[in-house]
Amino acid sequence: MHQKGLDHSIGFLLGATYRKLTNFFAARIKEFGLTPEQWAVLFRVREEDGLIQKEIADRAGKDKATTTRILDMLEAKGFITKRASEHDRRSFQVFITEQGREAADAIEPIEYSTITEIAQVLSAEEYEQMTTLLKRLNEHTARLLEQEKE
């Protein structure tokens, strides 16, 4: 069923494709001073103001340390602000600034056009099937990682 070798490895192919997609998108948003990783976090903050770092990390698919680093960079660039959480003094809530909202509003259509351009080699049905399969692989891998921790 499964062929051996890197050319048939899901991990290798996903990684190689991810790097190419990221580089392609990065070039398109370079003028905003953001990386695709920073964009993913800013997008999640714009979706819901006041989230705590853990919620943002979960929604952006990043670990806590990476999210902390990205949030610090976004704050230094003036795209977000952090405030002590009203519910938990050990955490802080994150809010998008007007500058962050303007950047996110400008970048979102660039992201969608990039996705459309890259996905033009797939039919609508293939695209839906691919996203469904990738989500399934993501969830299964997350469960396996949790089992490894036990």
C-alpha atoms as a PDB file:
ATOM      1  CA  MET A   1       0.000   0.000   0.000  1.00  0.00           C
ATOM      2  CA  HIS A   2       2.560   2.623   1.095  1.00  0.00           C
ATOM      3  CA  GLN A   3       5.641   3.045  -1.045  1.00  0.00           C
ATOM      4  CA  LYS A   4       8.958   3.719   0.645  1.00  0.00           C
ATOM      5  CA  GLY A   5      11.251   6.670   0.095  1.00  0.00           C
ATOM      6  CA  LEU A   6      11.075  10.416   0.590  1.00  0.00           C
ATOM      7  CA  ASP A   7       9.156  10.950  -2.639  1.00  0.00           C
ATOM      8  CA  HIS A   8       6.280   8.999  -1.051  1.00  0.00           C
ATOM      9  CA  SER A   9       6.651  10.285   2.523  1.00  0.00           C
ATOM     10  CA  ILE A  10       3.696  12.362   3.728  1.00  0.00           C
ATOM     11  CA  GLY A  11       5.924  14.223   6.170  1.00  0.00           C
ATOM     12  CA  PHE A  12       8.560  15.065   3.572  1.00  0.00           C
ATOM     13  CA  LEU A  13       6.022  16.136   0.948  1.00  0.00           C
ATOM     14  CA  LEU A  14       4.019  18.232   3.426  1.00  0.00           C
ATOM     15  CA  GLY A  15       7.206  19.873   4.690  1.00  0.00           C
ATOM     16  CA  ALA A  16       8.526  20.663   1.218  1.00  0.00           C
ATOM     17  CA  THR A  17       5.159  22.034   0.097  1.00  0.00           C
ATOM     18  CA  TYR A  18       4.757  24.061   3.292  1.00  0.00           C
ATOM     19  CA  ARG A  19       8.163  25.706   2.810  1.00  0.00           C
ATOM     20  CA  LYS A  20       7.372  26.641  -0.798  1.00  0.00           C
ATOM     21  CA  LEU A  21       3.921  27.985   0.110  1.00  0.00           C
ATOM     22  CA  THR A  22       5.379  29.953   3.009  1.00  0.00           C
ATOM     23  CA  ASN A  23       8.137  31.473   0.883  1.00  0.00           C
ATOM     24  CA  PHE A  24       5.631  32.408  -1.837  1.00  0.00           C
ATOM     25  CA  PHE A  25       3.279  34.074   0.656  1.00  0.00           C
ATOM     26  CA  ALA A  26       6.166  35.707   2.564  1.00  0.00           C
ATOM     27  CA  ALA A  27       7.303  37.501  -0.568  1.00  0.00           C
ATOM     28  CA  ARG A  28       3.800  38.896  -1.055  1.00  0.00           C
ATOM     29  CA  ILE A  29       3.462  40.309   2.472  1.00  0.00           C
ATOM     30  CA  LYS A  30       7.053  41.444   2.941  1.00  0.00           C
ATOM     31  CA  GLU A  31       6.075  45.122   2.628  1.00  0.00           C
ATOM     32  CA  PHE A  32       3.997  44.823   5.827  1.00  0.00           C
ATOM     33  CA  GLY A  33       7.015  43.727   7.884  1.00  0.00           C
ATOM     34  CA  LEU A  34       5.361  40.455   8.865  1.00  0.00           C
ATOM     35  CA  THR A  35       6.258  36.823   8.348  1.00  0.00           C
ATOM     36  CA  PRO A  36       3.597  34.201   7.556  1.00  0.00           C
ATOM     37  CA  GLU A  37       3.993  32.883  11.119  1.00  0.00           C
ATOM     38  CA  GLN A  38       3.363  36.347  12.558  1.00  0.00           C
ATOM     39  CA  TRP A  39       0.427  36.776  10.205  1.00  0.00           C
ATOM     40  CA  ALA A  40      -1.183  33.559  11.503  1.00  0.00           C
ATOM     41  CA  VAL A  41      -1.030  34.861  15.076  1.00  0.00           C
ATOM     42  CA  LEU A  42      -2.216  38.360  14.132  1.00  0.00           C
ATOM     43  CA  PHE A  43      -5.129  36.824  12.208  1.00  0.00           C
ATOM     44  CA  ARG A  44      -6.198  34.842  15.291  1.00  0.00           C
ATOM     45  CA  VAL A  45      -5.961  37.920  17.514  1.00  0.00           C
ATOM     46  CA  ARG A  46      -8.081  39.890  15.046  1.00  0.00           C
ATOM     47  CA  GLU A  47     -10.686  37.104  15.066  1.00  0.00           C
ATOM     48  CA  GLU A  48     -11.248  37.554  18.789  1.00  0.00           C
ATOM     49  CA  ASP A  49      -9.771  40.317  20.901  1.00  0.00           C
ATOM     50  CA  GLY A  50      -8.881  39.485  24.482  1.00  0.00           C
ATOM     51  CA  LEU A  51      -7.682  35.922  24.023  1.00  0.00           C
ATOM     52  CA  ILE A  52      -4.935  34.648  26.293  1.00  0.00           C
ATOM     53  CA  GLN A  53      -1.675  33.316  24.904  1.00  0.00           C
ATOM     54  CA  LYS A  54      -2.626  29.638  25.230  1.00  0.00           C
ATOM     55  CA  GLU A  55      -5.830  30.155  23.251  1.00  0.00           C
ATOM     56  CA  ILE A  56      -3.929  31.997  20.531  1.00  0.00           C
ATOM     57  CA  ALA A  57      -1.274  29.260  20.396  1.00  0.00           C
ATOM     58  CA  ASP A  58      -3.942  26.560  20.050  1.00  0.00           C
ATOM     59  CA  ARG A  59      -5.810  28.438  17.329  1.00  0.00           C
ATOM     60  CA  ALA A  60      -2.644  29.321  15.409  1.00  0.00           C
ATOM     61  CA  GLY A  61      -1.237  25.786  15.693  1.00  0.00           C
ATOM     62  CA  LYS A  62       1.915  26.917  17.461  1.00  0.00           C
ATOM     63  CA  ASP A  63       3.621  26.004  20.713  1.00  0.00           C
ATOM     64  CA  LYS A  64       3.642  28.352  23.684  1.00  0.00           C
ATOM     65  CA  ALA A  65       7.278  29.473  23.329  1.00  0.00           C
ATOM     66  CA  THR A  66       6.882  30.311  19.636  1.00  0.00           C
ATOM     67  CA  THR A  67       3.636  32.152  20.335  1.00  0.00           C
ATOM     68  CA  THR A  68       5.299  34.179  23.101  1.00  0.00           C
ATOM     69  CA  ARG A  69       8.117  35.194  20.750  1.00  0.00           C
ATOM     70  CA  ILE A  70       5.673  36.140  17.972  1.00  0.00           C
ATOM     71  CA  LEU A  71       3.434  38.116  20.326  1.00  0.00           C
ATOM     72  CA  ASP A  72       6.460  40.034  21.615  1.00  0.00           C
ATOM     73  CA  MET A  73       7.439  40.880  18.023  1.00  0.00           C
ATOM     74  CA  LEU A  74       3.898  41.927  17.109  1.00  0.00           C
ATOM     75  CA  GLU A  75       3.743  44.136  20.186  1.00  0.00           C
ATOM     76  CA  ALA A  76       7.114  45.746  19.355  1.00  0.00           C
ATOM     77  CA  LYS A  77       5.807  46.497  15.847  1.00  0.00           C
ATOM     78  CA  GLY A  78       2.663  48.099  17.285  1.00  0.00           C
ATOM     79  CA  PHE A  79       0.208  45.498  15.929  1.00  0.00           C
ATOM     80  CA  ILE A  80      -1.048  44.259  19.322  1.00  0.00           C
ATOM     81  CA  THR A  81      -1.163  45.230  22.975  1.00  0.00           C
ATOM     82  CA  LYS A  82      -1.059  42.958  26.008  1.00  0.00           C
ATOM     83  CA  ARG A  83      -2.896  43.511  29.270  1.00  0.00           C
ATOM     84  CA  ALA A  84      -2.925  41.520  32.480  1.00  0.00           C
ATOM     85  CA  SER A  85      -5.808  39.070  32.453  1.00  0.00           C
ATOM     86  CA  GLU A  86      -8.737  39.972  34.650  1.00  0.00           C
ATOM     87  CA  HIS A  87      -9.300  36.278  35.413  1.00  0.00           C
ATOM     88  CA  ASP A  88      -5.744  35.004  35.876  1.00  0.00           C
ATOM     89  CA  ARG A  89      -2.891  37.266  36.991  1.00  0.00           C
ATOM     90  CA  ARG A  90      -0.349  34.775  35.578  1.00  0.00           C
ATOM     91  CA  SER A  91      -1.534  35.361  32.009  1.00  0.00           C
ATOM     92  CA  PHE A  92      -2.314  38.302  29.800  1.00  0.00           C
ATOM     93  CA  GLN A  93      -4.971  39.099  27.242  1.00  0.00           C
ATOM     94  CA  VAL A  94      -4.014  40.182  23.740  1.00  0.00           C
ATOM     95  CA  PHE A  95      -5.750  42.932  21.780  1.00  0.00           C
ATOM     96  CA  ILE A  96      -5.229  44.104  18.217  1.00  0.00           C
ATOM     97  CA  THR A  97      -4.333  47.751  17.662  1.00  0.00           C
ATOM     98  CA  GLU A  98      -5.671  49.942  14.871  1.00  0.00           C
ATOM     99  CA  GLN A  99      -2.336  49.517  13.076  1.00  0.00           C
ATOM    100  CA  GLY A 100      -2.656  45.742  13.450  1.00  0.00           C
ATOM    101  CA  ARG A 101      -6.216  45.777  12.149  1.00  0.00           C
ATOM    102  CA  GLU A 102      -5.207  47.832   9.113  1.00  0.00           C
ATOM    103  CA  ALA A 103      -2.350  45.444   8.318  1.00  0.00           C
ATOM    104  CA  ALA A 104      -4.579  42.391   8.788  1.00  0.00           C
ATOM    105  CA  ASP A 105      -7.296  43.905   6.595  1.00  0.00           C
ATOM    106  CA  ALA A 106      -4.713  44.510   3.859  1.00  0.00           C
ATOM    107  CA  ILE A 107      -3.038  41.088   4.154  1.00  0.00           C
ATOM    108  CA  GLU A 108      -6.150  38.896   4.266  1.00  0.00           C
ATOM    109  CA  PRO A 109      -7.062  39.368   0.581  1.00  0.00           C
ATOM    110  CA  ILE A 110      -3.421  38.717  -0.347  1.00  0.00           C
ATOM    111  CA  GLU A 111      -3.574  35.421   1.535  1.00  0.00           C
ATOM    112  CA  TYR A 112      -6.825  34.418  -0.165  1.00  0.00           C
ATOM    113  CA  SER A 113      -5.521  35.294  -3.612  1.00  0.00           C
ATOM    114  CA  THR A 114      -2.330  33.337  -2.894  1.00  0.00           C
ATOM    115  CA  ILE A 115      -4.331  30.283  -1.835  1.00  0.00           C
ATOM    116  CA  THR A 116      -6.548  30.610  -4.914  1.00  0.00           C
ATOM    117  CA  GLU A 117      -3.550  30.878  -7.202  1.00  0.00           C
ATOM    118  CA  ILE A 118      -1.801  27.872  -5.691  1.00  0.00           C
ATOM    119  CA  ALA A 119      -4.956  25.762  -5.521  1.00  0.00           C
ATOM    120  CA  GLN A 120      -5.866  26.359  -9.172  1.00  0.00           C
ATOM    121  CA  VAL A 121      -4.364  22.944  -9.976  1.00  0.00           C
ATOM    122  CA  LEU A 122      -7.114  21.334  -7.858  1.00  0.00           C
ATOM    123  CA  SER A 123     -10.818  21.075  -8.485  1.00  0.00           C
ATOM    124  CA  ALA A 124     -13.136  22.393  -5.770  1.00  0.00           C
ATOM    125  CA  GLU A 125     -13.853  18.793  -4.765  1.00  0.00           C
ATOM    126  CA  GLU A 126     -10.133  17.944  -4.585  1.00  0.00           C
ATOM    127  CA  TYR A 127      -9.471  21.050  -2.502  1.00  0.00           C
ATOM    128  CA  GLU A 128     -12.193  20.113  -0.005  1.00  0.00           C
ATOM    129  CA  GLN A 129     -10.949  16.539   0.107  1.00  0.00           C
ATOM    130  CA  MET A 130      -7.384  17.702   0.706  1.00  0.00           C
ATOM    131  CA  THR A 131      -8.336  20.014   3.567  1.00  0.00           C
ATOM    132  CA  THR A 132     -10.439  17.247   5.124  1.00  0.00           C
ATOM    133  CA  LEU A 133      -7.550  14.778   4.886  1.00  0.00           C
ATOM    134  CA  LEU A 134      -5.012  17.273   6.251  1.00  0.00           C
ATOM    135  CA  LYS A 135      -7.270  18.043   9.227  1.00  0.00           C
ATOM    136  CA  ARG A 136      -7.656  14.319   9.886  1.00  0.00           C
ATOM    137  CA  LEU A 137      -3.873  13.791   9.751  1.00  0.00           C
ATOM    138  CA  ASN A 138      -3.366  16.804  12.024  1.00  0.00           C
ATOM    139  CA  GLU A 139      -5.832  15.547  14.638  1.00  0.00           C
ATOM    140  CA  HIS A 140      -4.446  11.996  14.526  1.00  0.00           C
ATOM    141  CA  THR A 141      -0.878  13.249  14.917  1.00  0.00           C
ATOM    142  CA  ALA A 142      -1.937  15.421  17.874  1.00  0.00           C
ATOM    143  CA  ARG A 143      -3.484  12.353  19.545  1.00  0.00           C
ATOM    144  CA  LEU A 144      -0.309  10.344  18.943  1.00  0.00           C
ATOM    145  CA  LEU A 145       1.785  13.122  20.467  1.00  0.00           C
ATOM    146  CA  GLU A 146      -0.452  13.175  23.538  1.00  0.00           C
ATOM    147  CA  GLN A 147      -0.079   9.389  23.901  1.00  0.00           C
ATOM    148  CA  GLU A 148       3.708   9.757  23.716  1.00  0.00           C
ATOM    149  CA  LYS A 149       3.591  12.169  26.677  1.00  0.00           C
ATOM    150  CA  GLU A 150       1.748   9.664  28.877  1.00  0.00           C
END
